[in-house]
Amino acid sequence: MSATAKKDDRSRQSVRLYPEIWEAIDLLRTKRPGVVSRNTWIAEAILEKLAREQDTQAPSPPAGSIHV
């Protein structure tokens, strides 16, 4: 690892969803301004769900940490 490389401490997880769910996610992604990856869309959805379930604000990820 070079001196300028940053360690990515996020863990990876596979998600199995029906094709119709992927299609719905992709349709919603195209309606957003700019380019939103599936990973970003799913990470945002998880944070929103955590906030609702905890009935408080979910922990904010570090700036720029929700990306591919």
PDB file of N, CA and C in Angstrom:
ATOM      1  N   MET A   1       0.854  -1.170   0.000  1.00  0.00           N
ATOM      2  CA  MET A   1       0.000   0.000   0.000  1.00  0.00           C
ATOM      3  C   MET A   1       0.899   1.231   0.000  1.00  0.00           C
ATOM      4  N   SER A   2       0.604   2.164  -0.888  1.00  0.00           N
ATOM      5  CA  SER A   2       1.426   3.364  -0.961  1.00  0.00           C
ATOM      6  C   SER A   2       1.097   4.316   0.175  1.00  0.00           C
ATOM      7  N   ALA A   3       1.954   5.295   0.365  1.00  0.00           N
ATOM      8  CA  ALA A   3       1.761   6.266   1.446  1.00  0.00           C
ATOM      9  C   ALA A   3       0.490   7.076   1.249  1.00  0.00           C
ATOM     10  N   THR A   4       0.059   7.253  -0.001  1.00  0.00           N
ATOM     11  CA  THR A   4      -1.141   8.056  -0.264  1.00  0.00           C
ATOM     12  C   THR A   4      -2.415   7.225  -0.303  1.00  0.00           C
ATOM     13  N   ALA A   5      -2.293   5.905  -0.336  1.00  0.00           N
ATOM     14  CA  ALA A   5      -3.480   5.046  -0.382  1.00  0.00           C
ATOM     15  C   ALA A   5      -4.182   5.057   0.969  1.00  0.00           C
ATOM     16  N   LYS A   6      -5.504   5.064   0.921  1.00  0.00           N
ATOM     17  CA  LYS A   6      -6.289   5.048   2.151  1.00  0.00           C
ATOM     18  C   LYS A   6      -6.889   3.663   2.345  1.00  0.00           C
ATOM     19  N   LYS A   7      -6.933   3.229   3.586  1.00  0.00           N
ATOM     20  CA  LYS A   7      -7.535   1.941   3.904  1.00  0.00           C
ATOM     21  C   LYS A   7      -9.053   2.085   3.853  1.00  0.00           C
ATOM     22  N   ASP A   8      -9.703   1.177   3.164  1.00  0.00           N
ATOM     23  CA  ASP A   8     -11.166   1.160   3.088  1.00  0.00           C
ATOM     24  C   ASP A   8     -11.660   0.175   4.137  1.00  0.00           C
ATOM     25  N   ASP A   9     -12.225   0.701   5.230  1.00  0.00           N
ATOM     26  CA  ASP A   9     -12.647  -0.175   6.319  1.00  0.00           C
ATOM     27  C   ASP A   9     -14.109  -0.604   6.219  1.00  0.00           C
ATOM     28  N   ARG A  10     -14.742  -0.297   5.077  1.00  0.00           N
ATOM     29  CA  ARG A  10     -16.118  -0.761   4.889  1.00  0.00           C
ATOM     30  C   ARG A  10     -16.092  -2.250   4.570  1.00  0.00           C
ATOM     31  N   SER A  11     -17.089  -2.983   5.055  1.00  0.00           N
ATOM     32  CA  SER A  11     -17.164  -4.402   4.726  1.00  0.00           C
ATOM     33  C   SER A  11     -18.117  -4.594   3.553  1.00  0.00           C
ATOM     34  N   ARG A  12     -17.963  -5.700   2.873  1.00  0.00           N
ATOM     35  CA  ARG A  12     -18.793  -6.012   1.705  1.00  0.00           C
ATOM     36  C   ARG A  12     -19.824  -7.060   2.083  1.00  0.00           C
ATOM     37  N   GLN A  13     -20.985  -6.969   1.430  1.00  0.00           N
ATOM     38  CA  GLN A  13     -22.058  -7.928   1.665  1.00  0.00           C
ATOM     39  C   GLN A  13     -22.813  -8.118   0.361  1.00  0.00           C
ATOM     40  N   SER A  14     -23.113  -9.347   0.032  1.00  0.00           N
ATOM     41  CA  SER A  14     -23.932  -9.623  -1.149  1.00  0.00           C
ATOM     42  C   SER A  14     -25.397  -9.452  -0.795  1.00  0.00           C
ATOM     43  N   VAL A  15     -26.166  -8.982  -1.766  1.00  0.00           N
ATOM     44  CA  VAL A  15     -27.603  -8.808  -1.565  1.00  0.00           C
ATOM     45  C   VAL A  15     -28.321  -9.576  -2.665  1.00  0.00           C
ATOM     46  N   ARG A  16     -29.229 -10.448  -2.281  1.00  0.00           N
ATOM     47  CA  ARG A  16     -30.031 -11.198  -3.250  1.00  0.00           C
ATOM     48  C   ARG A  16     -31.432 -10.616  -3.262  1.00  0.00           C
ATOM     49  N   LEU A  17     -31.825 -10.058  -4.390  1.00  0.00           N
ATOM     50  CA  LEU A  17     -33.156  -9.476  -4.543  1.00  0.00           C
ATOM     51  C   LEU A  17     -33.770  -9.978  -5.839  1.00  0.00           C
ATOM     52  N   TYR A  18     -35.091 -10.004  -5.869  1.00  0.00           N
ATOM     53  CA  TYR A  18     -35.791 -10.384  -7.093  1.00  0.00           C
ATOM     54  C   TYR A  18     -35.531  -9.346  -8.177  1.00  0.00           C
ATOM     55  N   PRO A  19     -35.530  -9.777  -9.438  1.00  0.00           N
ATOM     56  CA  PRO A  19     -35.280  -8.845 -10.543  1.00  0.00           C
ATOM     57  C   PRO A  19     -36.203  -7.623 -10.520  1.00  0.00           C
ATOM     58  N   GLU A  20     -37.439  -7.814 -10.092  1.00  0.00           N
ATOM     59  CA  GLU A  20     -38.391  -6.694 -10.052  1.00  0.00           C
ATOM     60  C   GLU A  20     -37.943  -5.619  -9.060  1.00  0.00           C
ATOM     61  N   ILE A  21     -37.304  -6.030  -7.982  1.00  0.00           N
ATOM     62  CA  ILE A  21     -36.814  -5.056  -7.001  1.00  0.00           C
ATOM     63  C   ILE A  21     -35.634  -4.288  -7.582  1.00  0.00           C
ATOM     64  N   TRP A  22     -34.708  -4.994  -8.253  1.00  0.00           N
ATOM     65  CA  TRP A  22     -33.586  -4.301  -8.897  1.00  0.00           C
ATOM     66  C   TRP A  22     -34.105  -3.306  -9.928  1.00  0.00           C
ATOM     67  N   GLU A  23     -35.125  -3.716 -10.689  1.00  0.00           N
ATOM     68  CA  GLU A  23     -35.690  -2.818 -11.703  1.00  0.00           C
ATOM     69  C   GLU A  23     -36.302  -1.580 -11.063  1.00  0.00           C
ATOM     70  N   ALA A  24     -37.007  -1.756  -9.945  1.00  0.00           N
ATOM     71  CA  ALA A  24     -37.615  -0.617  -9.246  1.00  0.00           C
ATOM     72  C   ALA A  24     -36.530   0.322  -8.714  1.00  0.00           C
ATOM     73  N   ILE A  25     -35.473  -0.248  -8.150  1.00  0.00           N
ATOM     74  CA  ILE A  25     -34.360   0.571  -7.657  1.00  0.00           C
ATOM     75  C   ILE A  25     -33.731   1.339  -8.812  1.00  0.00           C
ATOM     76  N   ASP A  26     -33.473   0.650  -9.913  1.00  0.00           N
ATOM     77  CA  ASP A  26     -32.846   1.304 -11.063  1.00  0.00           C
ATOM     78  C   ASP A  26     -33.723   2.417 -11.622  1.00  0.00           C
ATOM     79  N   LEU A  27     -35.032   2.209 -11.649  1.00  0.00           N
ATOM     80  CA  LEU A  27     -35.940   3.246 -12.137  1.00  0.00           C
ATOM     81  C   LEU A  27     -35.868   4.482 -11.241  1.00  0.00           C
ATOM     82  N   LEU A  28     -35.889   4.276  -9.939  1.00  0.00           N
ATOM     83  CA  LEU A  28     -35.798   5.404  -9.007  1.00  0.00           C
ATOM     84  C   LEU A  28     -34.450   6.112  -9.117  1.00  0.00           C
ATOM     85  N   ARG A  29     -33.389   5.362  -9.334  1.00  0.00           N
ATOM     86  CA  ARG A  29     -32.060   5.964  -9.486  1.00  0.00           C
ATOM     87  C   ARG A  29     -32.009   6.897 -10.682  1.00  0.00           C
ATOM     88  N   THR A  30     -32.666   6.517 -11.776  1.00  0.00           N
ATOM     89  CA  THR A  30     -32.626   7.345 -12.990  1.00  0.00           C
ATOM     90  C   THR A  30     -33.394   8.647 -12.824  1.00  0.00           C
ATOM     91  N   LYS A  31     -34.306   8.703 -11.866  1.00  0.00           N
ATOM     92  CA  LYS A  31     -35.094   9.916 -11.641  1.00  0.00           C
ATOM     93  C   LYS A  31     -34.346  10.941 -10.795  1.00  0.00           C
ATOM     94  N   ARG A  32     -33.232  10.546 -10.209  1.00  0.00           N
ATOM     95  CA  ARG A  32     -32.439  11.459  -9.380  1.00  0.00           C
ATOM     96  C   ARG A  32     -31.472  12.244 -10.254  1.00  0.00           C
ATOM     97  N   PRO A  33     -31.162  13.466  -9.852  1.00  0.00           N
ATOM     98  CA  PRO A  33     -30.168  14.223 -10.617  1.00  0.00           C
ATOM     99  C   PRO A  33     -28.786  13.584 -10.486  1.00  0.00           C
ATOM    100  N   GLY A  34     -28.017  13.676 -11.524  1.00  0.00           N
ATOM    101  CA  GLY A  34     -26.676  13.103 -11.505  1.00  0.00           C
ATOM    102  C   GLY A  34     -26.713  11.598 -11.641  1.00  0.00           C
ATOM    103  N   VAL A  35     -25.609  10.986 -11.310  1.00  0.00           N
ATOM    104  CA  VAL A  35     -25.487   9.528 -11.386  1.00  0.00           C
ATOM    105  C   VAL A  35     -25.434   8.981  -9.963  1.00  0.00           C
ATOM    106  N   VAL A  36     -26.377   8.102  -9.646  1.00  0.00           N
ATOM    107  CA  VAL A  36     -26.427   7.476  -8.323  1.00  0.00           C
ATOM    108  C   VAL A  36     -26.253   5.974  -8.524  1.00  0.00           C
ATOM    109  N   SER A  37     -25.201   5.419  -7.957  1.00  0.00           N
ATOM    110  CA  SER A  37     -24.956   3.982  -8.103  1.00  0.00           C
ATOM    111  C   SER A  37     -25.948   3.185  -7.264  1.00  0.00           C
ATOM    112  N   ARG A  38     -26.070   1.917  -7.595  1.00  0.00           N
ATOM    113  CA  ARG A  38     -26.907   1.036  -6.771  1.00  0.00           C
ATOM    114  C   ARG A  38     -26.395   1.007  -5.339  1.00  0.00           C
ATOM    115  N   ASN A  39     -25.087   0.932  -5.188  1.00  0.00           N
ATOM    116  CA  ASN A  39     -24.495   0.892  -3.856  1.00  0.00           C
ATOM    117  C   ASN A  39     -24.887   2.128  -3.046  1.00  0.00           C
ATOM    118  N   THR A  40     -24.778   3.300  -3.657  1.00  0.00           N
ATOM    119  CA  THR A  40     -25.133   4.539  -2.966  1.00  0.00           C
ATOM    120  C   THR A  40     -26.608   4.555  -2.621  1.00  0.00           C
ATOM    121  N   TRP A  41     -27.457   4.156  -3.564  1.00  0.00           N
ATOM    122  CA  TRP A  41     -28.906   4.168  -3.332  1.00  0.00           C
ATOM    123  C   TRP A  41     -29.255   3.238  -2.169  1.00  0.00           C
ATOM    124  N   ILE A  42     -28.676   2.042  -2.164  1.00  0.00           N
ATOM    125  CA  ILE A  42     -28.963   1.072  -1.103  1.00  0.00           C
ATOM    126  C   ILE A  42     -28.415   1.563   0.236  1.00  0.00           C
ATOM    127  N   ALA A  43     -27.213   2.137   0.243  1.00  0.00           N
ATOM    128  CA  ALA A  43     -26.643   2.660   1.492  1.00  0.00           C
ATOM    129  C   ALA A  43     -27.520   3.774   2.057  1.00  0.00           C
ATOM    130  N   GLU A  44     -28.013   4.662   1.201  1.00  0.00           N
ATOM    131  CA  GLU A  44     -28.913   5.730   1.653  1.00  0.00           C
ATOM    132  C   GLU A  44     -30.205   5.150   2.214  1.00  0.00           C
ATOM    133  N   ALA A  45     -30.741   4.130   1.550  1.00  0.00           N
ATOM    134  CA  ALA A  45     -31.980   3.501   2.020  1.00  0.00           C
ATOM    135  C   ALA A  45     -31.773   2.861   3.395  1.00  0.00           C
ATOM    136  N   ILE A  46     -30.627   2.247   3.599  1.00  0.00           N
ATOM    137  CA  ILE A  46     -30.329   1.630   4.896  1.00  0.00           C
ATOM    138  C   ILE A  46     -30.243   2.691   5.987  1.00  0.00           C
ATOM    139  N   LEU A  47     -29.570   3.799   5.701  1.00  0.00           N
ATOM    140  CA  LEU A  47     -29.465   4.879   6.690  1.00  0.00           C
ATOM    141  C   LEU A  47     -30.839   5.451   7.032  1.00  0.00           C
ATOM    142  N   GLU A  48     -31.704   5.608   6.018  1.00  0.00           N
ATOM    143  CA  GLU A  48     -33.065   6.100   6.272  1.00  0.00           C
ATOM    144  C   GLU A  48     -33.841   5.120   7.146  1.00  0.00           C
ATOM    145  N   LYS A  49     -33.717   3.832   6.866  1.00  0.00           N
ATOM    146  CA  LYS A  49     -34.399   2.807   7.658  1.00  0.00           C
ATOM    147  C   LYS A  49     -33.881   2.797   9.094  1.00  0.00           C
ATOM    148  N   LEU A  50     -32.584   2.900   9.279  1.00  0.00           N
ATOM    149  CA  LEU A  50     -32.014   2.955  10.624  1.00  0.00           C
ATOM    150  C   LEU A  50     -32.561   4.151  11.397  1.00  0.00           C
ATOM    151  N   ALA A  51     -32.666   5.282  10.742  1.00  0.00           N
ATOM    152  CA  ALA A  51     -33.186   6.480  11.402  1.00  0.00           C
ATOM    153  C   ALA A  51     -34.627   6.263  11.846  1.00  0.00           C
ATOM    154  N   ARG A  52     -35.437   5.656  10.988  1.00  0.00           N
ATOM    155  CA  ARG A  52     -36.842   5.393  11.342  1.00  0.00           C
ATOM    156  C   ARG A  52     -36.942   4.387  12.478  1.00  0.00           C
ATOM    157  N   GLU A  53     -36.171   3.313  12.400  1.00  0.00           N
ATOM    158  CA  GLU A  53     -36.236   2.261  13.413  1.00  0.00           C
ATOM    159  C   GLU A  53     -35.741   2.749  14.775  1.00  0.00           C
ATOM    160  N   GLN A  54     -34.748   3.596  14.774  1.00  0.00           N
ATOM    161  CA  GLN A  54     -34.186   4.094  16.023  1.00  0.00           C
ATOM    162  C   GLN A  54     -34.978   5.278  16.563  1.00  0.00           C
ATOM    163  N   ASP A  55     -35.886   5.795  15.750  1.00  0.00           N
ATOM    164  CA  ASP A  55     -36.698   6.955  16.115  1.00  0.00           C
ATOM    165  C   ASP A  55     -35.817   8.151  16.475  1.00  0.00           C
ATOM    166  N   THR A  56     -34.613   8.123  15.972  1.00  0.00           N
ATOM    167  CA  THR A  56     -33.689   9.244  16.103  1.00  0.00           C
ATOM    168  C   THR A  56     -32.923   9.338  14.799  1.00  0.00           C
ATOM    169  N   GLN A  57     -32.052  10.282  14.715  1.00  0.00           N
ATOM    170  CA  GLN A  57     -31.237  10.416  13.511  1.00  0.00           C
ATOM    171  C   GLN A  57     -30.187   9.311  13.484  1.00  0.00           C
ATOM    172  N   ALA A  58     -30.076   8.623  12.344  1.00  0.00           N
ATOM    173  CA  ALA A  58     -29.050   7.591  12.183  1.00  0.00           C
ATOM    174  C   ALA A  58     -27.681   8.251  12.181  1.00  0.00           C
ATOM    175  N   PRO A  59     -26.670   7.535  12.591  1.00  0.00           N
ATOM    176  CA  PRO A  59     -25.327   8.120  12.567  1.00  0.00           C
ATOM    177  C   PRO A  59     -24.975   8.549  11.150  1.00  0.00           C
ATOM    178  N   SER A  60     -24.496   9.744  11.008  1.00  0.00           N
ATOM    179  CA  SER A  60     -24.111  10.239   9.693  1.00  0.00           C
ATOM    180  C   SER A  60     -22.783   9.622   9.297  1.00  0.00           C
ATOM    181  N   PRO A  61     -22.713   9.109   8.063  1.00  0.00           N
ATOM    182  CA  PRO A  61     -21.440   8.564   7.608  1.00  0.00           C
ATOM    183  C   PRO A  61     -20.457   9.706   7.373  1.00  0.00           C
ATOM    184  N   PRO A  62     -19.175   9.429   7.414  1.00  0.00           N
ATOM    185  CA  PRO A  62     -18.196  10.471   7.118  1.00  0.00           C
ATOM    186  C   PRO A  62     -18.443  11.044   5.727  1.00  0.00           C
ATOM    187  N   ALA A  63     -18.178  12.314   5.543  1.00  0.00           N
ATOM    188  CA  ALA A  63     -18.404  12.980   4.258  1.00  0.00           C
ATOM    189  C   ALA A  63     -17.730  12.203   3.137  1.00  0.00           C
ATOM    190  N   GLY A  64     -18.488  11.975   2.074  1.00  0.00           N
ATOM    191  CA  GLY A  64     -17.951  11.286   0.915  1.00  0.00           C
ATOM    192  C   GLY A  64     -17.785   9.795   1.078  1.00  0.00           C
ATOM    193  N   SER A  65     -18.331   9.220   2.144  1.00  0.00           N
ATOM    194  CA  SER A  65     -18.106   7.794   2.386  1.00  0.00           C
ATOM    195  C   SER A  65     -19.123   6.902   1.702  1.00  0.00           C
ATOM    196  N   ILE A  66     -20.230   7.469   1.218  1.00  0.00           N
ATOM    197  CA  ILE A  66     -21.211   6.654   0.506  1.00  0.00           C
ATOM    198  C   ILE A  66     -20.906   6.771  -0.978  1.00  0.00           C
ATOM    199  N   HIS A  67     -20.169   5.811  -1.481  1.00  0.00           N
ATOM    200  CA  HIS A  67     -19.812   5.784  -2.893  1.00  0.00           C
ATOM    201  C   HIS A  67     -19.468   4.368  -3.282  1.00  0.00           C
ATOM    202  N   VAL A  68     -19.256   4.190  -4.557  1.00  0.00           N
ATOM    203  CA  VAL A  68     -18.926   2.866  -5.077  1.00  0.00           C
ATOM    204  C   VAL A  68     -17.546   2.471  -4.662  1.00  0.00           C
TER     205      VAL A  68
END
